[in-house]
Amino acid sequence: MGRRIRKLLYELSGQGSLVQGDEKLLDVPYLLKFFQEIIITDGEEKITGLTDFAGTLSPDDHYSLALLVGKKLTLHLEEDRCLEVTVTSTSGKILKHGEIYPCDGATEDKP
C-alpha cells in the first residue's frame, strides 16, 4: 500500500466580508487553502481525485464572529468572487459549501 499525502494546490488570502442575503455582517481577513490527496507508491504519485479544504477568518471583532457560528453565509472575496461558508468555531474556522463563483449573480455550483 502506498503513502497518502495532502499536496497544497493553491491558497487565497485577502480582505473580505461575511454577507447574509444583502446584509454585510462583518469585514474579515481570510485564508483559504485547497489541497489534493495523492498516493505515492514505489516513488510514483497517483492523484486520488479527493480534494480537501481548510479556511480561516481572522476578524478584529471575535465577539461578532462568535455570533455567526453555525450560520450559512456568503464570504465575499477580493476580485468580486464569493464562496458559501459556515463559520464552525469562534477561532475562525470555516466549512465551504460548493465552489468559488462570481458574485455578480452568475453562480457556478452554488447550492
N, C-alpha and C. Protein backbone atom coordinates (compact mmCIF):
# COMPACT_ATOMS: atom_id res chain seq x y z
N MET A 1 0.84 -1.18 0.00
CA MET A 1 0.00 0.00 0.00
C MET A 1 0.88 1.24 0.00
N GLY A 2 0.42 2.26 -0.64
CA GLY A 2 1.19 3.50 -0.74
C GLY A 2 0.97 4.43 0.42
N ARG A 3 1.70 5.47 0.40
CA ARG A 3 1.63 6.51 1.43
C ARG A 3 0.76 7.65 0.90
N ARG A 4 -0.16 8.14 1.74
CA ARG A 4 -1.07 9.22 1.35
C ARG A 4 -0.53 10.55 1.87
N ILE A 5 -0.57 11.55 1.00
CA ILE A 5 -0.19 12.90 1.40
C ILE A 5 -1.21 13.89 0.88
N ARG A 6 -1.25 15.06 1.51
CA ARG A 6 -2.07 16.17 1.03
C ARG A 6 -1.13 17.21 0.44
N LYS A 7 -1.31 17.49 -0.82
CA LYS A 7 -0.47 18.47 -1.51
C LYS A 7 -1.25 19.77 -1.67
N LEU A 8 -0.64 20.88 -1.25
CA LEU A 8 -1.29 22.18 -1.39
C LEU A 8 -1.37 22.55 -2.86
N LEU A 9 -2.60 22.74 -3.35
CA LEU A 9 -2.79 23.16 -4.74
C LEU A 9 -2.62 24.67 -4.87
N TYR A 10 -3.34 25.40 -4.05
CA TYR A 10 -3.23 26.85 -4.04
C TYR A 10 -3.87 27.40 -2.77
N GLU A 11 -3.56 28.66 -2.50
CA GLU A 11 -4.20 29.33 -1.38
C GLU A 11 -4.58 30.75 -1.79
N LEU A 12 -5.64 31.22 -1.17
CA LEU A 12 -6.13 32.57 -1.41
C LEU A 12 -6.18 33.29 -0.07
N SER A 13 -5.76 34.53 -0.05
CA SER A 13 -5.87 35.32 1.17
C SER A 13 -6.22 36.74 0.77
N GLY A 14 -6.82 37.44 1.70
CA GLY A 14 -7.18 38.81 1.43
C GLY A 14 -8.16 39.34 2.46
N GLN A 15 -8.75 40.47 2.13
CA GLN A 15 -9.74 41.11 2.99
C GLN A 15 -11.10 40.90 2.34
N GLY A 16 -12.02 40.29 3.08
CA GLY A 16 -13.35 40.04 2.55
C GLY A 16 -14.42 40.46 3.53
N SER A 17 -15.64 40.01 3.27
CA SER A 17 -16.73 40.30 4.18
C SER A 17 -17.71 39.14 4.20
N LEU A 18 -18.31 38.93 5.36
CA LEU A 18 -19.35 37.92 5.52
C LEU A 18 -20.69 38.60 5.28
N VAL A 19 -21.50 37.97 4.43
CA VAL A 19 -22.77 38.55 4.00
C VAL A 19 -23.87 37.52 4.19
N GLN A 20 -25.05 38.00 4.59
CA GLN A 20 -26.24 37.15 4.65
C GLN A 20 -27.31 37.87 3.85
N GLY A 21 -27.68 37.27 2.72
CA GLY A 21 -28.60 37.96 1.81
C GLY A 21 -27.93 39.21 1.28
N ASP A 22 -28.57 40.37 1.48
CA ASP A 22 -28.00 41.64 1.04
C ASP A 22 -27.32 42.39 2.18
N GLU A 23 -27.26 41.77 3.37
CA GLU A 23 -26.72 42.45 4.54
C GLU A 23 -25.27 42.05 4.81
N LYS A 24 -24.39 43.05 4.82
CA LYS A 24 -22.98 42.83 5.17
C LYS A 24 -22.88 42.76 6.69
N LEU A 25 -22.35 41.64 7.20
CA LEU A 25 -22.31 41.41 8.64
C LEU A 25 -20.98 41.76 9.28
N LEU A 26 -19.88 41.44 8.59
CA LEU A 26 -18.57 41.57 9.23
C LEU A 26 -17.47 41.58 8.18
N ASP A 27 -16.54 42.53 8.30
CA ASP A 27 -15.34 42.54 7.46
C ASP A 27 -14.33 41.59 8.09
N VAL A 28 -13.71 40.74 7.27
CA VAL A 28 -12.79 39.72 7.79
C VAL A 28 -11.62 39.46 6.84
N PRO A 29 -10.41 39.40 7.38
CA PRO A 29 -9.31 38.84 6.61
C PRO A 29 -9.53 37.33 6.52
N TYR A 30 -9.20 36.73 5.38
CA TYR A 30 -9.41 35.29 5.19
C TYR A 30 -8.16 34.63 4.63
N LEU A 31 -8.05 33.34 4.91
CA LEU A 31 -7.01 32.49 4.33
C LEU A 31 -7.68 31.18 3.95
N LEU A 32 -7.67 30.86 2.67
CA LEU A 32 -8.29 29.64 2.15
C LEU A 32 -7.20 28.78 1.51
N LYS A 33 -7.16 27.50 1.89
CA LYS A 33 -6.18 26.57 1.33
C LYS A 33 -6.91 25.39 0.70
N PHE A 34 -6.49 25.04 -0.50
CA PHE A 34 -7.09 23.94 -1.25
C PHE A 34 -6.02 22.88 -1.47
N PHE A 35 -6.35 21.64 -1.10
CA PHE A 35 -5.40 20.53 -1.14
C PHE A 35 -5.87 19.43 -2.08
N GLN A 36 -4.94 18.63 -2.57
CA GLN A 36 -5.21 17.44 -3.38
C GLN A 36 -4.61 16.24 -2.66
N GLU A 37 -5.38 15.16 -2.52
CA GLU A 37 -4.83 13.95 -1.92
C GLU A 37 -4.07 13.16 -2.99
N ILE A 38 -2.88 12.72 -2.63
CA ILE A 38 -2.02 11.97 -3.55
C ILE A 38 -1.53 10.72 -2.83
N ILE A 39 -1.49 9.60 -3.56
CA ILE A 39 -0.92 8.36 -3.04
C ILE A 39 0.41 8.14 -3.74
N ILE A 40 1.45 7.90 -2.95
CA ILE A 40 2.77 7.62 -3.51
C ILE A 40 3.06 6.14 -3.32
N THR A 41 3.23 5.43 -4.44
CA THR A 41 3.54 4.01 -4.43
C THR A 41 4.77 3.79 -5.29
N ASP A 42 5.79 3.17 -4.72
CA ASP A 42 7.04 2.90 -5.45
C ASP A 42 7.60 4.16 -6.10
N GLY A 43 7.53 5.28 -5.39
CA GLY A 43 8.07 6.54 -5.89
C GLY A 43 7.21 7.23 -6.94
N GLU A 44 6.06 6.67 -7.25
CA GLU A 44 5.18 7.23 -8.28
C GLU A 44 3.95 7.87 -7.62
N GLU A 45 3.64 9.10 -8.04
CA GLU A 45 2.48 9.79 -7.48
C GLU A 45 1.22 9.47 -8.28
N LYS A 46 0.13 9.18 -7.56
CA LYS A 46 -1.17 8.96 -8.19
C LYS A 46 -2.18 9.85 -7.50
N ILE A 47 -2.89 10.65 -8.28
CA ILE A 47 -3.90 11.55 -7.73
C ILE A 47 -5.17 10.74 -7.49
N THR A 48 -5.74 10.87 -6.29
CA THR A 48 -6.93 10.10 -5.95
C THR A 48 -8.22 10.77 -6.41
N GLY A 49 -8.15 12.05 -6.71
CA GLY A 49 -9.36 12.77 -7.07
C GLY A 49 -10.00 13.43 -5.86
N LEU A 50 -9.58 13.04 -4.66
CA LEU A 50 -10.12 13.64 -3.46
C LEU A 50 -9.43 14.97 -3.18
N THR A 51 -10.22 15.98 -2.86
CA THR A 51 -9.67 17.27 -2.51
C THR A 51 -10.07 17.62 -1.09
N ASP A 52 -9.35 18.54 -0.50
CA ASP A 52 -9.62 18.95 0.87
C ASP A 52 -9.51 20.47 0.92
N PHE A 53 -10.07 21.04 1.97
CA PHE A 53 -10.12 22.48 2.13
C PHE A 53 -9.89 22.86 3.59
N ALA A 54 -9.16 23.92 3.81
CA ALA A 54 -9.00 24.49 5.15
C ALA A 54 -9.14 26.00 5.01
N GLY A 55 -10.04 26.56 5.78
CA GLY A 55 -10.24 28.00 5.70
C GLY A 55 -10.35 28.62 7.07
N THR A 56 -9.77 29.82 7.20
CA THR A 56 -9.85 30.53 8.47
C THR A 56 -10.13 32.01 8.22
N LEU A 57 -10.84 32.59 9.17
CA LEU A 57 -11.12 34.01 9.18
C LEU A 57 -10.42 34.60 10.40
N SER A 58 -9.94 35.82 10.28
CA SER A 58 -9.21 36.46 11.39
C SER A 58 -9.76 37.87 11.63
N PRO A 59 -10.97 37.96 12.16
CA PRO A 59 -11.56 39.29 12.36
C PRO A 59 -10.95 40.01 13.56
N ASP A 60 -11.07 41.34 13.55
CA ASP A 60 -10.68 42.12 14.72
C ASP A 60 -11.69 41.92 15.84
N ASP A 61 -12.94 41.68 15.46
CA ASP A 61 -14.04 41.56 16.42
C ASP A 61 -14.45 40.09 16.56
N HIS A 62 -13.85 39.37 17.50
CA HIS A 62 -14.15 37.95 17.68
C HIS A 62 -15.53 37.72 18.27
N TYR A 63 -16.05 38.70 18.99
CA TYR A 63 -17.40 38.56 19.55
C TYR A 63 -18.42 38.49 18.42
N SER A 64 -18.30 39.38 17.43
CA SER A 64 -19.22 39.37 16.29
C SER A 64 -19.11 38.06 15.51
N LEU A 65 -17.90 37.53 15.40
CA LEU A 65 -17.72 36.25 14.71
C LEU A 65 -18.39 35.13 15.51
N ALA A 66 -18.28 35.16 16.83
CA ALA A 66 -18.89 34.13 17.67
C ALA A 66 -20.41 34.08 17.46
N LEU A 67 -21.02 35.22 17.20
CA LEU A 67 -22.47 35.27 16.96
C LEU A 67 -22.86 34.61 15.64
N LEU A 68 -21.88 34.41 14.76
CA LEU A 68 -22.16 33.84 13.44
C LEU A 68 -21.85 32.35 13.35
N VAL A 69 -21.33 31.75 14.42
CA VAL A 69 -21.01 30.32 14.41
C VAL A 69 -22.27 29.50 14.13
N GLY A 70 -22.14 28.59 13.17
CA GLY A 70 -23.25 27.71 12.80
C GLY A 70 -24.12 28.24 11.69
N LYS A 71 -23.92 29.48 11.28
CA LYS A 71 -24.76 30.08 10.23
C LYS A 71 -24.13 29.90 8.86
N LYS A 72 -24.97 29.62 7.88
CA LYS A 72 -24.51 29.54 6.50
C LYS A 72 -24.54 30.95 5.91
N LEU A 73 -23.36 31.41 5.46
CA LEU A 73 -23.19 32.77 4.98
C LEU A 73 -22.44 32.78 3.66
N THR A 74 -22.35 33.93 3.06
CA THR A 74 -21.54 34.11 1.86
C THR A 74 -20.29 34.90 2.26
N LEU A 75 -19.14 34.35 1.90
CA LEU A 75 -17.88 35.07 2.09
C LEU A 75 -17.58 35.76 0.77
N HIS A 76 -17.63 37.09 0.80
CA HIS A 76 -17.33 37.88 -0.39
C HIS A 76 -15.82 38.12 -0.41
N LEU A 77 -15.17 37.50 -1.39
CA LEU A 77 -13.71 37.57 -1.52
C LEU A 77 -13.30 38.78 -2.35
N GLU A 78 -12.01 39.02 -2.42
CA GLU A 78 -11.49 40.05 -3.31
C GLU A 78 -11.78 39.65 -4.76
N GLU A 79 -11.71 40.61 -5.66
CA GLU A 79 -11.93 40.39 -7.09
C GLU A 79 -13.35 39.93 -7.39
N ASP A 80 -14.30 40.36 -6.55
CA ASP A 80 -15.73 40.11 -6.74
C ASP A 80 -16.07 38.63 -6.93
N ARG A 81 -15.46 37.79 -6.08
CA ARG A 81 -15.77 36.36 -6.06
C ARG A 81 -16.39 36.02 -4.72
N CYS A 82 -17.22 34.99 -4.69
CA CYS A 82 -17.94 34.60 -3.48
C CYS A 82 -17.78 33.10 -3.22
N LEU A 83 -17.97 32.73 -1.94
CA LEU A 83 -17.92 31.35 -1.51
C LEU A 83 -18.93 31.18 -0.38
N GLU A 84 -19.79 30.19 -0.51
CA GLU A 84 -20.74 29.88 0.56
C GLU A 84 -19.99 29.14 1.66
N VAL A 85 -20.14 29.60 2.90
CA VAL A 85 -19.41 29.02 4.04
C VAL A 85 -20.31 28.93 5.26
N THR A 86 -19.89 28.09 6.20
CA THR A 86 -20.44 28.08 7.54
C THR A 86 -19.29 28.31 8.50
N VAL A 87 -19.46 29.27 9.40
CA VAL A 87 -18.46 29.51 10.44
C VAL A 87 -18.62 28.38 11.45
N THR A 88 -17.55 27.62 11.69
CA THR A 88 -17.66 26.44 12.55
C THR A 88 -17.09 26.62 13.95
N SER A 89 -16.35 27.72 14.18
CA SER A 89 -15.78 27.92 15.51
C SER A 89 -15.50 29.38 15.77
N THR A 90 -15.38 29.71 17.04
CA THR A 90 -15.06 31.09 17.42
C THR A 90 -13.61 31.44 17.08
N SER A 91 -12.81 30.44 16.76
CA SER A 91 -11.42 30.71 16.36
C SER A 91 -11.32 31.08 14.88
N GLY A 92 -12.45 31.04 14.16
CA GLY A 92 -12.47 31.50 12.77
C GLY A 92 -12.44 30.41 11.72
N LYS A 93 -12.55 29.15 12.11
CA LYS A 93 -12.55 28.08 11.11
C LYS A 93 -13.87 28.10 10.34
N ILE A 94 -13.77 27.79 9.05
CA ILE A 94 -14.97 27.76 8.20
C ILE A 94 -15.02 26.47 7.40
N LEU A 95 -16.22 26.11 7.01
CA LEU A 95 -16.50 24.97 6.15
C LEU A 95 -17.08 25.54 4.87
N LYS A 96 -16.60 25.10 3.72
CA LYS A 96 -17.12 25.64 2.46
C LYS A 96 -18.24 24.76 1.92
N HIS A 97 -19.14 25.39 1.17
CA HIS A 97 -20.24 24.70 0.50
C HIS A 97 -20.13 25.06 -0.97
N GLY A 98 -19.78 24.11 -1.81
CA GLY A 98 -19.65 24.40 -3.23
C GLY A 98 -18.29 25.01 -3.56
N GLU A 99 -18.26 25.68 -4.68
CA GLU A 99 -17.02 26.25 -5.19
C GLU A 99 -17.12 27.76 -5.25
N ILE A 100 -15.99 28.41 -5.48
CA ILE A 100 -15.95 29.87 -5.62
C ILE A 100 -16.67 30.23 -6.92
N TYR A 101 -17.46 31.30 -6.86
CA TYR A 101 -18.21 31.74 -8.04
C TYR A 101 -18.19 33.26 -8.11
N PRO A 102 -18.51 33.81 -9.30
CA PRO A 102 -18.58 35.28 -9.43
C PRO A 102 -19.75 35.81 -8.61
N CYS A 103 -19.55 36.90 -7.90
CA CYS A 103 -20.60 37.46 -7.04
C CYS A 103 -21.69 38.17 -7.82
N ASP A 104 -21.53 38.35 -9.10
CA ASP A 104 -22.50 39.13 -9.87
C ASP A 104 -23.82 38.41 -10.10
N GLY A 105 -24.01 37.24 -9.48
CA GLY A 105 -25.27 36.52 -9.63
C GLY A 105 -25.17 35.34 -10.57
N ALA A 106 -24.17 35.31 -11.44
CA ALA A 106 -23.97 34.17 -12.34
C ALA A 106 -23.25 33.08 -11.55
N THR A 107 -23.99 32.27 -10.85
CA THR A 107 -23.38 31.29 -9.96
C THR A 107 -22.97 30.02 -10.67
N GLU A 108 -21.89 29.45 -10.17
CA GLU A 108 -21.42 28.15 -10.65
C GLU A 108 -21.35 27.25 -9.44
N ASP A 109 -22.03 26.12 -9.45
CA ASP A 109 -22.03 25.16 -8.36
C ASP A 109 -22.51 25.77 -7.05
N LYS A 110 -23.31 26.82 -7.12
CA LYS A 110 -23.84 27.42 -5.89
C LYS A 110 -25.01 26.59 -5.43
N PRO A 111 -24.99 26.11 -4.16
CA PRO A 111 -26.09 25.29 -3.67
C PRO A 111 -27.38 26.07 -3.55
